[in-house]
């Protein structure tokens, strides 16, 4: 049983947040309270279900224990109690998962960076496949996507790309995609039909709000230049592309997708905020920082989290030993959710096991 005082604290906090929001608070305080309300609401819904089911079980047991209850009513009460206990187990498990310590960024939108790794042109073509896979998966979730930048190879692949994915809880789903993705297939450039292995690196960053990261203008160096296309040719004659350098950290981001210098600067600042936010998260969460570094790796084919084997139609996620023979539907994003949901479930199970071990 989950301690009632723990549930009472949650309910009290939820009521306090609702009261503050109703009082007309504004600005950064409103944004933070709204986020907290969105996080607490589904938990409180399960808490209410948990308490209601527990009361129904207690009522059924009282009826069974009452000597005045006739045999037929007692049999019905025992049957109901058995069903309620089964429901209660599932609700309790769900609530335990809801009460697990959460990554503060889980509800955030995300920025997905894809870079071609080992494998030249074929790695770039695979990078383009991954970009399409995440874009389609996001669309199926009802999320909005926007390609913030894209550097193409001569064959139509991508050397690197940055995809913004906007929606509720995007980071919670996509964060497990960080790492090296390996592909095994016959490249379009291979005349002899031999299978090649290539790799692309994916890094997923939570998108930071203005209230999450404060950036001082004096810490920035902003350069403008002409946007260029694949192969270096100029695609316009005005200096619309923008590079923003954060002097204290040395982080530089460039944006040239938009025709407007102002829009490119906004996009560059959004990406910079995400990178600075991630640095701060890594500082606060040292263990997670080590995990992320090992997941992202260098783009080398040996540091892999997932393999896409085209000849066998197989996708294998090496972290959870999951193999699915539906590569065609995963690479198009249609069934990527099956892999992501399995990763989320495994993460929850691992954290629940660790929590139970600590409490034992």
Protein backbone atom coordinates (compact mmCIF):
# COMPACT_ATOMS: atom_id res chain seq x y z
CA UNK A 1 0.00 0.00 0.00
CA UNK A 2 1.14 3.51 -0.80
CA UNK A 3 1.27 5.68 2.36
CA UNK A 4 -1.81 7.92 2.62
CA UNK A 5 0.26 10.87 3.91
CA UNK A 6 2.21 10.83 0.63
CA UNK A 7 -1.04 10.96 -1.36
CA UNK A 8 -2.43 13.69 0.91
CA UNK A 9 0.64 15.87 0.27
CA UNK A 10 0.12 15.47 -3.48
CA UNK A 11 -3.58 16.36 -3.26
CA UNK A 12 -2.83 19.38 -1.06
CA UNK A 13 -0.20 20.64 -3.48
CA UNK A 14 -2.53 20.19 -6.46
CA UNK A 15 -5.25 22.19 -4.72
CA UNK A 16 -2.72 24.90 -3.80
CA UNK A 17 -1.54 25.14 -7.43
CA UNK A 18 -5.13 25.39 -8.68
CA UNK A 19 -5.85 28.13 -6.14
CA UNK A 20 -2.76 30.13 -7.19
CA UNK A 21 -3.67 29.83 -10.87
CA UNK A 22 -7.23 30.93 -10.12
CA UNK A 23 -5.92 33.98 -8.23
CA UNK A 24 -4.74 35.51 -11.50
CA UNK A 25 -0.99 35.19 -11.06
CA UNK A 26 0.93 36.07 -14.23
CA UNK A 27 4.34 36.09 -15.92
CA UNK A 28 6.99 33.45 -15.20
CA UNK A 29 5.10 32.32 -12.09
CA UNK A 30 2.03 31.48 -14.21
CA UNK A 31 4.15 29.48 -16.69
CA UNK A 32 5.77 27.43 -13.90
CA UNK A 33 2.47 26.81 -12.11
CA UNK A 34 0.80 25.79 -15.38
CA UNK A 35 3.58 23.27 -16.00
CA UNK A 36 3.24 21.88 -12.48
CA UNK A 37 -0.54 21.65 -12.87
CA UNK A 38 -0.16 19.74 -16.15
CA UNK A 39 2.24 17.31 -14.46
CA UNK A 40 0.10 16.80 -11.34
CA UNK A 41 -3.33 16.48 -12.99
CA UNK A 42 -2.86 12.93 -14.40
CA UNK A 43 -1.27 11.78 -11.12
CA UNK A 44 -4.20 13.11 -9.08
CA UNK A 45 -6.63 11.33 -11.43
CA UNK A 46 -4.93 8.00 -10.59
CA UNK A 47 -4.80 8.90 -6.88
CA UNK A 48 -8.59 9.44 -6.93
CA UNK A 49 -9.07 6.11 -8.71
CA UNK A 50 -6.74 4.39 -6.19
CA UNK A 51 -8.62 5.79 -3.17
CA UNK A 52 -12.04 5.05 -4.67
CA UNK A 53 -11.12 1.42 -5.41
CA UNK A 54 -9.61 0.96 -1.93
CA UNK A 55 -12.88 2.23 -0.40
CA UNK A 56 -14.95 -0.12 -2.57
CA UNK A 57 -12.80 -3.06 -1.42
CA UNK A 58 -13.25 -2.00 2.23
CA UNK A 59 -17.04 -1.74 1.72
CA UNK A 60 -17.17 -5.20 0.14
CA UNK A 61 -15.11 -6.66 3.01
CA UNK A 62 -17.40 -5.02 5.58
CA UNK A 63 -20.39 -6.61 3.86
CA UNK A 64 -18.70 -10.03 3.84
CA UNK A 65 -17.76 -9.74 7.54
CA UNK A 66 -21.25 -8.62 8.60
CA UNK A 67 -23.12 -11.61 10.12
CA UNK A 68 -26.43 -10.09 8.96
CA UNK A 69 -25.42 -10.47 5.28
CA UNK A 70 -27.26 -13.38 3.64
CA UNK A 71 -25.33 -16.04 1.72
CA UNK A 72 -26.33 -14.82 -1.73
CA UNK A 73 -25.29 -11.23 -1.00
CA UNK A 74 -22.04 -12.45 0.58
CA UNK A 75 -21.21 -14.51 -2.53
CA UNK A 76 -21.80 -11.45 -4.73
CA UNK A 77 -19.65 -9.30 -2.42
CA UNK A 78 -16.82 -11.88 -2.54
CA UNK A 79 -16.98 -11.95 -6.33
CA UNK A 80 -16.91 -8.15 -6.46
CA UNK A 81 -14.00 -8.02 -3.99
CA UNK A 82 -11.95 -10.39 -6.18
CA UNK A 83 -12.52 -8.18 -9.24
CA UNK A 84 -11.75 -5.01 -7.30
CA UNK A 85 -8.52 -6.45 -5.90
CA UNK A 86 -7.40 -7.28 -9.45
CA UNK A 87 -8.21 -3.74 -10.56
CA UNK A 88 -6.51 -2.31 -7.48
CA UNK A 89 -3.23 -4.11 -8.25
CA UNK A 90 -3.12 -2.52 -11.71
CA UNK A 91 -4.04 0.92 -10.39
CA UNK A 92 -1.44 0.66 -7.61
CA UNK A 93 1.25 -0.27 -10.13
CA UNK A 94 0.22 2.62 -12.36
CA UNK A 95 0.31 5.02 -9.41
CA UNK A 96 3.75 3.78 -8.33
CA UNK A 97 5.02 4.54 -11.83
CA UNK A 98 3.34 7.98 -11.73
CA UNK A 99 5.06 8.70 -8.40
CA UNK A 100 8.54 7.83 -9.66
CA UNK A 101 10.92 10.82 -9.66
CA UNK A 102 10.50 12.48 -13.04
CA UNK A 103 12.96 14.15 -15.33
CA UNK A 104 11.97 17.81 -15.03
CA UNK A 105 12.18 18.14 -18.81
CA UNK A 106 9.88 15.20 -19.66
CA UNK A 107 6.92 17.43 -20.56
CA UNK A 108 9.05 19.63 -22.82
CA UNK A 109 9.16 19.82 -26.58
CA UNK A 110 12.43 18.55 -28.05
CA UNK A 111 15.17 19.34 -30.51
CA UNK A 112 16.51 16.33 -32.41
CA UNK A 113 20.00 16.58 -33.93
CA UNK A 114 20.96 14.00 -36.54
CA UNK A 115 24.52 13.68 -37.87
CA UNK A 116 25.91 11.26 -40.42
CA UNK A 117 28.65 9.15 -38.84
CA UNK A 118 30.76 6.36 -40.32
CA UNK A 119 29.88 5.45 -43.91
CA UNK A 120 30.16 8.52 -46.15
CA UNK A 121 27.30 8.97 -48.64
CA UNK A 122 25.40 5.96 -47.31
CA UNK A 123 25.53 7.34 -43.74
CA UNK A 124 24.10 10.62 -45.06
CA UNK A 125 21.28 8.77 -46.85
CA UNK A 126 20.53 6.89 -43.62
CA UNK A 127 20.51 10.21 -41.76
CA UNK A 128 17.80 11.40 -44.17
CA UNK A 129 15.83 8.20 -43.44
CA UNK A 130 16.03 8.91 -39.70
CA UNK A 131 14.86 12.50 -40.20
CA UNK A 132 11.82 11.23 -42.13
CA UNK A 133 11.20 8.52 -39.50
CA UNK A 134 11.06 11.02 -36.62
CA UNK A 135 9.02 13.51 -38.63
CA UNK A 136 6.38 10.90 -39.47
CA UNK A 137 6.33 9.48 -35.92
CA UNK A 138 5.82 13.00 -34.56
CA UNK A 139 2.95 13.62 -36.98
CA UNK A 140 1.25 10.41 -35.84
CA UNK A 141 1.52 11.64 -32.23
CA UNK A 142 -0.16 14.90 -33.18
CA UNK A 143 3.03 16.91 -32.61
CA UNK A 144 4.26 19.80 -34.75
CA UNK A 145 7.63 19.54 -36.53
CA UNK A 146 9.94 22.09 -38.08
CA UNK A 147 13.31 21.45 -39.74
CA UNK A 148 15.51 24.12 -38.17
CA UNK A 149 18.54 23.30 -40.32
CA UNK A 150 19.58 20.72 -42.87
CA UNK A 151 22.93 20.22 -44.62
CA UNK A 152 22.50 17.95 -47.63
CA UNK A 153 24.97 15.61 -49.32
CA UNK A 154 25.33 15.40 -53.11
CA UNK A 155 23.09 12.30 -53.28
CA UNK A 156 20.22 13.85 -51.33
CA UNK A 157 21.22 12.53 -47.91
CA UNK A 158 21.91 14.75 -44.93
CA UNK A 159 25.27 15.43 -43.34
CA UNK A 160 23.43 16.93 -40.37
CA UNK A 161 19.96 18.18 -39.57
CA UNK A 162 18.14 19.75 -36.63
CA UNK A 163 14.44 18.95 -36.16
CA UNK A 164 12.22 20.79 -33.71
CA UNK A 165 9.34 18.69 -32.34
CA UNK A 166 6.68 20.60 -30.41
CA UNK A 167 4.07 19.03 -28.16
CA UNK A 168 3.24 17.85 -24.66
CA UNK A 169 5.60 15.17 -23.33
CA UNK A 170 7.73 14.99 -26.48
CA UNK A 171 11.06 14.73 -24.63
CA UNK A 172 9.77 11.92 -22.39
CA UNK A 173 9.25 9.78 -25.50
CA UNK A 174 12.13 10.85 -27.72
CA UNK A 175 14.95 11.06 -25.16
CA UNK A 176 15.67 7.34 -25.54
CA UNK A 177 16.55 7.93 -29.21
CA UNK A 178 19.84 9.57 -28.23
CA UNK A 179 22.72 7.41 -29.41
CA UNK A 180 24.29 5.78 -32.43
CA UNK A 181 21.96 4.14 -34.94
CA UNK A 182 23.54 1.58 -37.25
CA UNK A 183 22.25 0.52 -40.66
CA UNK A 184 23.15 -2.61 -42.64
CA UNK A 185 22.08 -2.61 -46.28
CA UNK A 186 23.27 -2.55 -49.90
CA UNK A 187 24.02 1.11 -50.70
CA UNK A 188 22.62 2.67 -53.88
CA UNK A 189 26.24 3.46 -54.76
CA UNK A 190 27.35 -0.20 -54.51
CA UNK A 191 27.45 -1.90 -57.90
CA UNK A 192 28.44 -5.37 -56.63
CA UNK A 193 25.52 -5.67 -54.22
CA UNK A 194 27.58 -6.02 -51.03
CA UNK A 195 26.03 -5.15 -47.69
CA UNK A 196 27.64 -2.15 -46.01
CA UNK A 197 27.41 -0.94 -42.42
CA UNK A 198 26.99 2.77 -41.75
CA UNK A 199 26.02 4.87 -38.75
CA UNK A 200 24.32 8.10 -37.80
CA UNK A 201 24.24 9.84 -34.44
CA UNK A 202 21.07 11.16 -32.84
CA UNK A 203 21.05 13.61 -29.91
CA UNK A 204 17.76 14.67 -28.33
CA UNK A 205 17.66 17.86 -26.27
CA UNK A 206 14.71 19.22 -24.28
CA UNK A 207 13.57 22.56 -25.64
CA UNK A 208 14.15 25.28 -23.05
CA UNK A 209 11.71 28.08 -22.30
CA UNK A 210 12.88 31.62 -21.61
CA UNK A 211 12.17 31.03 -17.91
CA UNK A 212 14.44 27.93 -17.91
CA UNK A 213 17.59 29.63 -19.20
CA UNK A 214 18.66 33.24 -18.84
CA UNK A 215 21.10 34.37 -21.53
CA UNK A 216 22.83 37.72 -21.12
CA UNK A 217 23.10 39.63 -24.40
CA UNK A 218 26.64 40.74 -23.54
CA UNK A 219 27.70 37.06 -23.52
CA UNK A 220 26.76 36.67 -27.19
CA UNK A 221 28.63 37.29 -30.42
CA UNK A 222 26.32 37.42 -33.43
CA UNK A 223 27.69 37.09 -36.97
CA UNK A 224 25.66 37.29 -40.17
CA UNK A 225 26.62 35.77 -43.51
CA UNK A 226 25.13 34.62 -46.78
CA UNK A 227 23.14 31.40 -46.68
CA UNK A 228 24.65 28.61 -48.74
CA UNK A 229 23.22 25.48 -50.32
CA UNK A 230 24.68 22.02 -50.88
CA UNK A 231 28.13 22.16 -52.44
CA UNK A 232 28.69 25.72 -51.24
CA UNK A 233 26.69 27.63 -53.84
CA UNK A 234 24.98 30.78 -52.61
CA UNK A 235 21.23 30.47 -52.37
CA UNK A 236 20.62 34.17 -51.81
CA UNK A 237 22.43 37.46 -52.11
CA UNK A 238 21.60 38.88 -48.69
CA UNK A 239 23.27 38.14 -45.38
CA UNK A 240 20.31 36.34 -43.84
CA UNK A 241 22.18 33.46 -42.18
CA UNK A 242 23.07 33.95 -38.51
CA UNK A 243 25.71 32.42 -36.27
CA UNK A 244 25.35 32.97 -32.53
CA UNK A 245 28.32 32.23 -30.26
CA UNK A 246 27.89 31.99 -26.49
CA UNK A 247 31.24 33.38 -25.35
CA UNK A 248 31.38 31.86 -21.81
CA UNK A 249 30.88 28.28 -23.09
CA UNK A 250 32.18 28.62 -26.65
CA UNK A 251 28.99 27.03 -28.01
CA UNK A 252 28.21 28.27 -31.52
CA UNK A 253 25.01 27.62 -33.46
CA UNK A 254 24.17 28.71 -36.98
CA UNK A 255 20.84 28.96 -38.76
CA UNK A 256 20.19 29.71 -42.42
CA UNK A 257 16.95 27.90 -43.29
CA UNK A 258 14.74 31.01 -43.18
CA UNK A 259 14.99 33.90 -45.65
CA UNK A 260 14.66 36.39 -42.80
CA UNK A 261 17.71 37.22 -40.69
CA UNK A 262 15.39 37.88 -37.75
CA UNK A 263 13.78 34.41 -38.00
CA UNK A 264 17.19 32.74 -38.32
CA UNK A 265 18.37 34.55 -35.19
CA UNK A 266 15.26 33.39 -33.28
CA UNK A 267 15.88 29.80 -34.39
CA UNK A 268 19.58 30.02 -33.43
CA UNK A 269 18.65 31.36 -29.98
CA UNK A 270 16.15 28.52 -29.51
CA UNK A 271 18.84 25.95 -30.30
CA UNK A 272 21.39 27.73 -28.08
CA UNK A 273 18.95 27.78 -25.16
CA UNK A 274 18.37 24.03 -25.57
CA UNK A 275 22.12 23.34 -25.53
CA UNK A 276 22.72 25.52 -22.46
CA UNK A 277 19.71 23.97 -20.72
CA UNK A 278 21.14 20.51 -21.35
CA UNK A 279 24.53 21.55 -19.92
CA UNK A 280 22.80 22.73 -16.74
CA UNK A 281 20.75 19.51 -16.54
CA UNK A 282 23.92 17.47 -16.92
CA UNK A 283 25.59 19.45 -14.16
CA UNK A 284 22.67 18.88 -11.80
CA UNK A 285 22.15 15.25 -12.78
CA UNK A 286 25.65 13.83 -12.90
CA UNK A 287 24.53 10.24 -13.34
CA UNK A 288 22.36 11.14 -16.28
CA UNK A 289 25.22 13.08 -17.83
CA UNK A 290 27.38 9.97 -17.85
CA UNK A 291 24.52 7.97 -19.37
CA UNK A 292 23.91 10.51 -22.12
CA UNK A 293 27.58 10.69 -23.09
CA UNK A 294 27.77 6.92 -23.43
CA UNK A 295 24.56 6.90 -25.46
CA UNK A 296 25.42 9.68 -27.87
CA UNK A 297 28.98 8.52 -28.51
CA UNK A 298 31.05 9.71 -31.44
CA UNK A 299 29.12 8.37 -34.43
CA UNK A 300 31.39 5.37 -34.81
CA UNK A 301 29.61 2.19 -35.95
CA UNK A 302 30.79 0.21 -32.90
CA UNK A 303 28.96 2.46 -30.40
CA UNK A 304 25.41 1.53 -31.24
CA UNK A 305 22.05 1.53 -29.50
CA UNK A 306 20.02 0.19 -32.43
CA UNK A 307 20.63 -1.69 -35.68
CA UNK A 308 18.46 -1.49 -38.79
CA UNK A 309 19.20 -4.60 -40.90
CA UNK A 310 17.52 -4.19 -44.30
CA UNK A 311 18.30 -7.64 -45.82
CA UNK A 312 16.59 -9.30 -42.83
CA UNK A 313 13.90 -6.62 -42.40
CA UNK A 314 15.00 -6.46 -38.77
CA UNK A 315 15.34 -3.70 -36.19
CA UNK A 316 17.17 -4.54 -32.95
CA UNK A 317 17.43 -2.23 -29.94
CA UNK A 318 20.50 -3.49 -28.11
CA UNK A 319 19.71 -1.85 -24.75
CA UNK A 320 16.59 -3.95 -24.13
CA UNK A 321 17.35 -6.86 -26.50
CA UNK A 322 14.23 -6.09 -28.51
CA UNK A 323 14.09 -7.39 -32.09
CA UNK A 324 11.19 -6.64 -34.42
CA UNK A 325 10.87 -7.91 -38.00
CA UNK A 326 9.01 -4.89 -39.29
CA UNK A 327 11.79 -2.58 -40.42
CA UNK A 328 9.71 -1.16 -43.28
CA UNK A 329 7.08 0.15 -40.84
CA UNK A 330 9.59 1.34 -38.24
CA UNK A 331 11.84 3.27 -40.64
CA UNK A 332 8.77 5.10 -41.97
CA UNK A 333 7.78 6.02 -38.40
CA UNK A 334 4.53 4.03 -38.51
CA UNK A 335 5.64 1.48 -35.87
CA UNK A 336 8.51 3.37 -34.23
CA UNK A 337 6.14 3.84 -31.28
CA UNK A 338 6.38 0.11 -30.53
CA UNK A 339 10.13 0.46 -29.92
CA UNK A 340 9.81 3.72 -27.98
CA UNK A 341 6.99 2.40 -25.78
CA UNK A 342 9.09 -0.68 -24.94
CA UNK A 343 12.03 1.55 -23.94
CA UNK A 344 9.77 3.74 -21.76
CA UNK A 345 8.25 0.67 -20.09
CA UNK A 346 11.68 -0.85 -19.41
CA UNK A 347 12.95 2.42 -17.94
CA UNK A 348 9.92 2.61 -15.64
CA UNK A 349 10.34 -1.03 -14.57
CA UNK A 350 14.05 -0.52 -13.85
CA UNK A 351 13.42 2.61 -11.78
CA UNK A 352 10.56 0.96 -9.89
CA UNK A 353 12.76 -2.05 -9.07
CA UNK A 354 15.55 0.27 -7.86
CA UNK A 355 13.07 2.23 -5.71
CA UNK A 356 11.64 -0.93 -4.15
CA UNK A 357 15.19 -2.16 -3.43
CA UNK A 358 16.01 1.15 -1.67
CA UNK A 359 12.85 0.94 0.42
CA UNK A 360 13.37 -2.71 1.38
